[in-house]
PDB file of N, CA and C in Angstrom:
ATOM      1  N   UNK A   1      40.221 198.936 171.832  1.00  0.00           N
ATOM      2  CA  UNK A   1      39.566 197.863 171.277  1.00  0.00           C
ATOM      3  C   UNK A   1      39.980 197.743 169.814  1.00  0.00           C
ATOM      4  N   UNK A   2      40.011 196.480 169.337  1.00  0.00           N
ATOM      5  CA  UNK A   2      40.353 196.407 167.932  1.00  0.00           C
ATOM      6  C   UNK A   2      39.146 196.375 167.138  1.00  0.00           C
ATOM      7  N   UNK A   3      39.169 196.183 165.817  1.00  0.00           N
ATOM      8  CA  UNK A   3      38.013 196.304 164.902  1.00  0.00           C
ATOM      9  C   UNK A   3      36.909 195.387 165.360  1.00  0.00           C
ATOM     10  N   UNK A   4      37.255 194.261 165.977  1.00  0.00           N
ATOM     11  CA  UNK A   4      36.200 193.327 166.363  1.00  0.00           C
ATOM     12  C   UNK A   4      35.678 193.650 167.706  1.00  0.00           C
ATOM     13  N   UNK A   5      36.069 194.691 168.362  1.00  0.00           N
ATOM     14  CA  UNK A   5      35.486 195.176 169.623  1.00  0.00           C
ATOM     15  C   UNK A   5      36.079 194.591 170.856  1.00  0.00           C
ATOM     16  N   UNK A   6      37.212 193.920 170.713  1.00  0.00           N
ATOM     17  CA  UNK A   6      37.967 193.274 171.900  1.00  0.00           C
ATOM     18  C   UNK A   6      38.755 194.327 172.573  1.00  0.00           C
ATOM     19  N   UNK A   7      38.910 194.170 173.875  1.00  0.00           N
ATOM     20  CA  UNK A   7      39.960 194.878 174.670  1.00  0.00           C
ATOM     21  C   UNK A   7      41.297 194.281 174.450  1.00  0.00           C
ATOM     22  N   UNK A   8      42.237 195.097 174.213  1.00  0.00           N
ATOM     23  CA  UNK A   8      43.599 194.752 173.992  1.00  0.00           C
ATOM     24  C   UNK A   8      44.476 195.027 175.137  1.00  0.00           C
ATOM     25  N   UNK A   9      45.197 194.057 175.474  1.00  0.00           N
ATOM     26  CA  UNK A   9      46.268 194.124 176.647  1.00  0.00           C
ATOM     27  C   UNK A   9      47.531 193.545 176.041  1.00  0.00           C
ATOM     28  N   UNK A  10      48.369 194.469 175.449  1.00  0.00           N
ATOM     29  CA  UNK A  10      49.482 193.925 174.679  1.00  0.00           C
ATOM     30  C   UNK A  10      50.555 195.024 174.766  1.00  0.00           C
ATOM     31  N   UNK A  11      51.806 194.451 174.894  1.00  0.00           N
ATOM     32  CA  UNK A  11      53.046 195.342 174.838  1.00  0.00           C
ATOM     33  C   UNK A  11      53.788 195.059 173.531  1.00  0.00           C
ATOM     34  N   UNK A  12      53.229 194.237 172.814  1.00  0.00           N
ATOM     35  CA  UNK A  12      53.907 193.906 171.439  1.00  0.00           C
ATOM     36  C   UNK A  12      53.152 194.674 170.361  1.00  0.00           C
ATOM     37  N   UNK A  13      53.686 194.467 169.106  1.00  0.00           N
ATOM     38  CA  UNK A  13      53.198 195.182 168.018  1.00  0.00           C
ATOM     39  C   UNK A  13      51.716 194.696 167.719  1.00  0.00           C
ATOM     40  N   UNK A  14      50.920 195.496 167.122  1.00  0.00           N
ATOM     41  CA  UNK A  14      49.530 195.297 166.765  1.00  0.00           C
ATOM     42  C   UNK A  14      49.291 195.581 165.334  1.00  0.00           C
ATOM     43  N   UNK A  15      48.820 194.694 164.519  1.00  0.00           N
ATOM     44  CA  UNK A  15      48.438 194.936 163.076  1.00  0.00           C
ATOM     45  C   UNK A  15      47.206 195.867 163.037  1.00  0.00           C
ATOM     46  N   UNK A  16      47.343 196.988 162.381  1.00  0.00           N
ATOM     47  CA  UNK A  16      46.252 197.916 162.259  1.00  0.00           C
ATOM     48  C   UNK A  16      45.585 197.746 160.860  1.00  0.00           C
ATOM     49  N   UNK A  17      46.402 197.525 159.724  1.00  0.00           N
ATOM     50  CA  UNK A  17      45.872 197.226 158.476  1.00  0.00           C
ATOM     51  C   UNK A  17      46.583 196.073 157.858  1.00  0.00           C
ATOM     52  N   UNK A  18      45.934 195.409 157.031  1.00  0.00           N
ATOM     53  CA  UNK A  18      46.596 194.327 156.322  1.00  0.00           C
ATOM     54  C   UNK A  18      47.722 194.741 155.405  1.00  0.00           C
ATOM     55  N   UNK A  19      48.511 193.921 154.911  1.00  0.00           N
ATOM     56  CA  UNK A  19      49.580 194.333 153.869  1.00  0.00           C
ATOM     57  C   UNK A  19      48.798 195.016 152.774  1.00  0.00           C
ATOM     58  N   UNK A  20      49.530 196.139 152.264  1.00  0.00           N
ATOM     59  CA  UNK A  20      48.871 196.954 151.252  1.00  0.00           C
ATOM     60  C   UNK A  20      49.927 197.100 150.127  1.00  0.00           C
ATOM     61  N   UNK A  21      49.454 196.945 148.959  1.00  0.00           N
ATOM     62  CA  UNK A  21      50.390 197.118 147.751  1.00  0.00           C
ATOM     63  C   UNK A  21      50.359 198.504 147.148  1.00  0.00           C
ATOM     64  N   UNK A  22      49.560 199.289 147.635  1.00  0.00           N
ATOM     65  CA  UNK A  22      49.335 200.752 147.157  1.00  0.00           C
ATOM     66  C   UNK A  22      50.535 201.590 147.539  1.00  0.00           C
ATOM     67  N   UNK A  23      51.063 202.275 146.580  1.00  0.00           N
ATOM     68  CA  UNK A  23      52.137 203.252 146.867  1.00  0.00           C
ATOM     69  C   UNK A  23      51.699 204.540 147.579  1.00  0.00           C
ATOM     70  N   UNK A  24      50.422 204.693 147.579  1.00  0.00           N
ATOM     71  CA  UNK A  24      49.844 205.970 148.089  1.00  0.00           C
ATOM     72  C   UNK A  24      48.851 205.630 149.182  1.00  0.00           C
ATOM     73  N   UNK A  25      49.099 204.858 150.034  1.00  0.00           N
ATOM     74  CA  UNK A  25      48.163 204.493 151.161  1.00  0.00           C
ATOM     75  C   UNK A  25      48.035 205.540 152.027  1.00  0.00           C
ATOM     76  N   UNK A  26      46.800 205.961 152.550  1.00  0.00           N
ATOM     77  CA  UNK A  26      46.640 206.994 153.504  1.00  0.00           C
ATOM     78  C   UNK A  26      45.803 206.323 154.590  1.00  0.00           C
ATOM     79  N   UNK A  27      46.212 206.514 155.727  1.00  0.00           N
ATOM     80  CA  UNK A  27      45.552 205.871 156.960  1.00  0.00           C
ATOM     81  C   UNK A  27      45.435 206.765 158.027  1.00  0.00           C
ATOM     82  N   UNK A  28      44.243 206.787 158.730  1.00  0.00           N
ATOM     83  CA  UNK A  28      44.191 207.473 160.054  1.00  0.00           C
ATOM     84  C   UNK A  28      43.700 206.456 161.035  1.00  0.00           C
ATOM     85  N   UNK A  29      44.454 206.542 162.121  1.00  0.00           N
ATOM     86  CA  UNK A  29      44.043 205.489 163.279  1.00  0.00           C
ATOM     87  C   UNK A  29      43.681 206.283 164.468  1.00  0.00           C
ATOM     88  N   UNK A  30      42.508 206.066 165.012  1.00  0.00           N
ATOM     89  CA  UNK A  30      42.072 206.684 166.182  1.00  0.00           C
ATOM     90  C   UNK A  30      41.870 205.561 167.246  1.00  0.00           C
ATOM     91  N   UNK A  31      42.431 205.787 168.375  1.00  0.00           N
ATOM     92  CA  UNK A  31      42.380 204.772 169.421  1.00  0.00           C
ATOM     93  C   UNK A  31      41.780 205.531 170.686  1.00  0.00           C
ATOM     94  N   UNK A  32      40.895 204.833 171.372  1.00  0.00           N
ATOM     95  CA  UNK A  32      40.350 205.380 172.506  1.00  0.00           C
ATOM     96  C   UNK A  32      40.407 204.315 173.636  1.00  0.00           C
ATOM     97  N   UNK A  33      40.794 204.742 174.830  1.00  0.00           N
ATOM     98  CA  UNK A  33      40.987 203.784 175.942  1.00  0.00           C
ATOM     99  C   UNK A  33      41.952 204.197 176.933  1.00  0.00           C
ATOM    100  N   UNK A  34      42.393 203.269 177.646  1.00  0.00           N
ATOM    101  CA  UNK A  34      43.244 203.557 178.777  1.00  0.00           C
ATOM    102  C   UNK A  34      44.710 202.948 178.576  1.00  0.00           C
ATOM    103  N   UNK A  35      45.683 203.621 178.875  1.00  0.00           N
ATOM    104  CA  UNK A  35      47.052 202.993 178.908  1.00  0.00           C
ATOM    105  C   UNK A  35      47.610 203.182 180.246  1.00  0.00           C
ATOM    106  N   UNK A  36      47.581 202.028 181.029  1.00  0.00           N
ATOM    107  CA  UNK A  36      48.020 202.083 182.435  1.00  0.00           C
ATOM    108  C   UNK A  36      49.519 201.821 182.522  1.00  0.00           C
ATOM    109  N   UNK A  37      50.194 202.714 183.140  1.00  0.00           N
ATOM    110  CA  UNK A  37      51.626 202.460 183.327  1.00  0.00           C
ATOM    111  C   UNK A  37      51.942 202.573 184.800  1.00  0.00           C
ATOM    112  N   UNK A  38      52.383 201.436 185.253  1.00  0.00           N
ATOM    113  CA  UNK A  38      52.617 201.295 186.679  1.00  0.00           C
ATOM    114  C   UNK A  38      54.111 201.584 187.147  1.00  0.00           C
ATOM    115  N   UNK A  39      55.020 201.677 186.364  1.00  0.00           N
ATOM    116  CA  UNK A  39      56.402 201.881 186.654  1.00  0.00           C
ATOM    117  C   UNK A  39      56.970 202.993 185.719  1.00  0.00           C
ATOM    118  N   UNK A  40      58.122 203.483 186.131  1.00  0.00           N
ATOM    119  CA  UNK A  40      58.806 204.526 185.301  1.00  0.00           C
ATOM    120  C   UNK A  40      59.208 203.833 184.003  1.00  0.00           C
ATOM    121  N   UNK A  41      59.125 204.699 183.024  1.00  0.00           N
ATOM    122  CA  UNK A  41      59.492 204.176 181.600  1.00  0.00           C
ATOM    123  C   UNK A  41      59.245 205.147 180.519  1.00  0.00           C
ATOM    124  N   UNK A  42      59.334 204.755 179.394  1.00  0.00           N
ATOM    125  CA  UNK A  42      59.185 205.647 178.221  1.00  0.00           C
ATOM    126  C   UNK A  42      58.260 204.990 177.285  1.00  0.00           C
ATOM    127  N   UNK A  43      57.238 205.722 176.800  1.00  0.00           N
ATOM    128  CA  UNK A  43      56.237 205.195 175.765  1.00  0.00           C
ATOM    129  C   UNK A  43      56.795 205.769 174.505  1.00  0.00           C
ATOM    130  N   UNK A  44      57.019 204.912 173.552  1.00  0.00           N
ATOM    131  CA  UNK A  44      57.601 205.260 172.237  1.00  0.00           C
ATOM    132  C   UNK A  44      56.617 204.725 171.129  1.00  0.00           C
ATOM    133  N   UNK A  45      55.718 205.601 170.586  1.00  0.00           N
ATOM    134  CA  UNK A  45      54.845 205.109 169.472  1.00  0.00           C
ATOM    135  C   UNK A  45      55.747 204.782 168.276  1.00  0.00           C
ATOM    136  N   UNK A  46      55.512 203.684 167.595  1.00  0.00           N
ATOM    137  CA  UNK A  46      56.231 203.232 166.414  1.00  0.00           C
ATOM    138  C   UNK A  46      55.211 202.712 165.426  1.00  0.00           C
ATOM    139  N   UNK A  47      55.761 202.453 164.137  1.00  0.00           N
ATOM    140  CA  UNK A  47      55.025 201.706 163.244  1.00  0.00           C
ATOM    141  C   UNK A  47      56.113 200.823 162.495  1.00  0.00           C
ATOM    142  N   UNK A  48      55.628 199.753 161.874  1.00  0.00           N
ATOM    143  CA  UNK A  48      56.595 198.857 161.291  1.00  0.00           C
ATOM    144  C   UNK A  48      55.835 198.368 159.966  1.00  0.00           C
ATOM    145  N   UNK A  49      56.617 198.334 158.822  1.00  0.00           N
ATOM    146  CA  UNK A  49      56.030 197.846 157.581  1.00  0.00           C
ATOM    147  C   UNK A  49      56.008 196.484 157.555  1.00  0.00           C
ATOM    148  N   UNK A  50      55.071 195.817 156.858  1.00  0.00           N
ATOM    149  CA  UNK A  50      54.971 194.404 156.693  1.00  0.00           C
ATOM    150  C   UNK A  50      55.990 193.923 155.605  1.00  0.00           C
ATOM    151  N   UNK A  51      56.392 194.859 154.660  1.00  0.00           N
ATOM    152  CA  UNK A  51      57.428 194.611 153.681  1.00  0.00           C
ATOM    153  C   UNK A  51      58.049 196.005 153.482  1.00  0.00           C
ATOM    154  N   UNK A  52      59.208 195.867 152.888  1.00  0.00           N
ATOM    155  CA  UNK A  52      59.999 197.113 152.579  1.00  0.00           C
ATOM    156  C   UNK A  52      59.121 198.094 151.646  1.00  0.00           C
ATOM    157  N   UNK A  53      59.002 199.289 152.041  1.00  0.00           N
ATOM    158  CA  UNK A  53      58.146 200.209 151.213  1.00  0.00           C
ATOM    159  C   UNK A  53      58.723 200.610 149.846  1.00  0.00           C
ATOM    160  N   UNK A  54      59.931 200.450 149.698  1.00  0.00           N
ATOM    161  CA  UNK A  54      60.510 200.892 148.399  1.00  0.00           C
ATOM    162  C   UNK A  54      60.672 202.400 148.419  1.00  0.00           C
ATOM    163  N   UNK A  55      61.921 202.931 148.236  1.00  0.00           N
ATOM    164  CA  UNK A  55      62.074 204.187 148.290  1.00  0.00           C
ATOM    165  C   UNK A  55      61.957 204.762 149.668  1.00  0.00           C
ATOM    166  N   UNK A  56      61.924 206.088 149.793  1.00  0.00           N
ATOM    167  CA  UNK A  56      61.867 206.640 151.139  1.00  0.00           C
ATOM    168  C   UNK A  56      60.398 206.854 151.537  1.00  0.00           C
ATOM    169  N   UNK A  57      59.844 206.208 152.635  1.00  0.00           N
ATOM    170  CA  UNK A  57      58.512 206.460 152.989  1.00  0.00           C
ATOM    171  C   UNK A  57      58.238 207.926 153.470  1.00  0.00           C
ATOM    172  N   UNK A  58      57.041 208.391 153.252  1.00  0.00           N
ATOM    173  CA  UNK A  58      56.601 209.768 153.639  1.00  0.00           C
ATOM    174  C   UNK A  58      55.749 209.697 154.732  1.00  0.00           C
ATOM    175  N   UNK A  59      56.107 210.499 155.832  1.00  0.00           N
ATOM    176  CA  UNK A  59      55.260 210.628 156.939  1.00  0.00           C
ATOM    177  C   UNK A  59      54.806 212.133 156.864  1.00  0.00           C
ATOM    178  N   UNK A  60      53.491 212.402 156.783  1.00  0.00           N
ATOM    179  CA  UNK A  60      52.992 213.731 156.531  1.00  0.00           C
ATOM    180  C   UNK A  60      53.333 214.691 157.602  1.00  0.00           C
ATOM    181  N   UNK A  61      53.549 215.821 157.304  1.00  0.00           N
ATOM    182  CA  UNK A  61      53.683 217.021 158.324  1.00  0.00           C
ATOM    183  C   UNK A  61      52.597 217.096 159.129  1.00  0.00           C
ATOM    184  N   UNK A  62      52.713 217.338 160.423  1.00  0.00           N
ATOM    185  CA  UNK A  62      51.616 217.473 161.351  1.00  0.00           C
ATOM    186  C   UNK A  62      51.029 216.160 161.859  1.00  0.00           C
ATOM    187  N   UNK A  63      51.710 215.022 161.550  1.00  0.00           N
ATOM    188  CA  UNK A  63      51.345 213.767 162.028  1.00  0.00           C
ATOM    189  C   UNK A  63      51.649 213.835 163.425  1.00  0.00           C
ATOM    190  N   UNK A  64      50.778 213.203 164.311  1.00  0.00           N
ATOM    191  CA  UNK A  64      51.009 213.204 165.781  1.00  0.00           C
ATOM    192  C   UNK A  64      50.485 212.080 166.418  1.00  0.00           C
ATOM    193  N   UNK A  65      50.918 211.860 167.801  1.00  0.00           N
ATOM    194  CA  UNK A  65      50.417 210.922 168.615  1.00  0.00           C
ATOM    195  C   UNK A  65      50.052 211.677 169.913  1.00  0.00           C
ATOM    196  N   UNK A  66      48.931 211.522 170.492  1.00  0.00           N
ATOM    197  CA  UNK A  66      48.495 212.357 171.667  1.00  0.00           C
ATOM    198  C   UNK A  66      48.049 211.532 172.758  1.00  0.00           C
ATOM    199  N   UNK A  67      48.409 211.784 173.922  1.00  0.00           N
ATOM    200  CA  UNK A  67      48.017 211.157 175.284  1.00  0.00           C
ATOM    201  C   UNK A  67      47.648 212.284 176.147  1.00  0.00           C
ATOM    202  N   UNK A  68      46.693 211.919 177.032  1.00  0.00           N
ATOM    203  CA  UNK A  68      46.304 212.853 178.063  1.00  0.00           C
ATOM    204  C   UNK A  68      46.244 212.176 179.413  1.00  0.00           C
ATOM    205  N   UNK A  69      47.031 212.761 180.482  1.00  0.00           N
ATOM    206  CA  UNK A  69      46.975 212.038 181.722  1.00  0.00           C
ATOM    207  C   UNK A  69      45.607 212.250 182.378  1.00  0.00           C
ATOM    208  N   UNK A  70      45.088 211.255 183.060  1.00  0.00           N
ATOM    209  CA  UNK A  70      43.784 211.418 183.744  1.00  0.00           C
ATOM    210  C   UNK A  70      43.922 211.161 185.219  1.00  0.00           C
ATOM    211  N   UNK A  71      45.017 210.721 185.651  1.00  0.00           N
ATOM    212  CA  UNK A  71      45.240 210.512 187.152  1.00  0.00           C
ATOM    213  C   UNK A  71      46.416 209.580 187.435  1.00  0.00           C
ATOM    214  N   UNK A  72      46.699 209.367 188.671  1.00  0.00           N
ATOM    215  CA  UNK A  72      47.828 208.568 189.075  1.00  0.00           C
ATOM    216  C   UNK A  72      47.660 207.169 188.716  1.00  0.00           C
ATOM    217  N   UNK A  73      48.673 206.357 188.895  1.00  0.00           N
ATOM    218  CA  UNK A  73      48.519 204.848 188.529  1.00  0.00           C
ATOM    219  C   UNK A  73      47.601 204.162 189.405  1.00  0.00           C
ATOM    220  N   UNK A  74      47.329 204.711 190.521  1.00  0.00           N
ATOM    221  CA  UNK A  74      46.329 204.104 191.522  1.00  0.00           C
ATOM    222  C   UNK A  74      44.846 204.354 191.196  1.00  0.00           C
ATOM    223  N   UNK A  75      44.588 205.213 190.190  1.00  0.00           N
ATOM    224  CA  UNK A  75      43.311 205.603 189.855  1.00  0.00           C
ATOM    225  C   UNK A  75      42.423 204.410 189.375  1.00  0.00           C
ATOM    226  N   UNK A  76      41.215 204.121 189.913  1.00  0.00           N
ATOM    227  CA  UNK A  76      40.460 202.995 189.525  1.00  0.00           C
ATOM    228  C   UNK A  76      39.174 203.460 188.805  1.00  0.00           C
ATOM    229  N   UNK A  77      38.682 204.642 189.185  1.00  0.00           N
ATOM    230  CA  UNK A  77      37.452 205.098 188.530  1.00  0.00           C
ATOM    231  C   UNK A  77      37.605 206.677 188.421  1.00  0.00           C
ATOM    232  N   UNK A  78      36.892 207.235 187.398  1.00  0.00           N
ATOM    233  CA  UNK A  78      36.995 208.640 187.140  1.00  0.00           C
ATOM    234  C   UNK A  78      35.484 209.081 186.801  1.00  0.00           C
ATOM    235  N   UNK A  79      35.016 209.946 187.605  1.00  0.00           N
ATOM    236  CA  UNK A  79      33.654 210.420 187.408  1.00  0.00           C
ATOM    237  C   UNK A  79      32.559 209.564 188.020  1.00  0.00           C
ATOM    238  N   UNK A  80      31.335 209.928 188.009  1.00  0.00           N
ATOM    239  CA  UNK A  80      30.161 209.279 188.743  1.00  0.00           C
ATOM    240  C   UNK A  80      29.959 207.773 187.968  1.00  0.00           C
ATOM    241  N   UNK A  81      29.739 206.843 188.804  1.00  0.00           N
ATOM    242  CA  UNK A  81      29.339 205.561 188.269  1.00  0.00           C
ATOM    243  C   UNK A  81      27.945 205.189 188.672  1.00  0.00           C
ATOM    244  N   UNK A  82      27.191 204.501 187.676  1.00  0.00           N
ATOM    245  CA  UNK A  82      25.762 204.125 188.137  1.00  0.00           C
ATOM    246  C   UNK A  82      25.681 202.679 187.984  1.00  0.00           C
TER     247      UNK A  82
END
């Protein structure tokens, strides 16, 4: 979901923050949901600047992207439903 609570279905880039002029921006992004992949392929997490950051950008040590498999691509429900 995005900040307005909408479900996203997108394979294109998504704006997480507006353009920032701070040279010391610190951001944490937490996403919850499902990523359904129906065919073989590679998921490549990326980020893109809205403008050249100037100098070499710093990505902090121990930054990570984490996914956890919950079932095959045919999975429609997980756990009890009421």
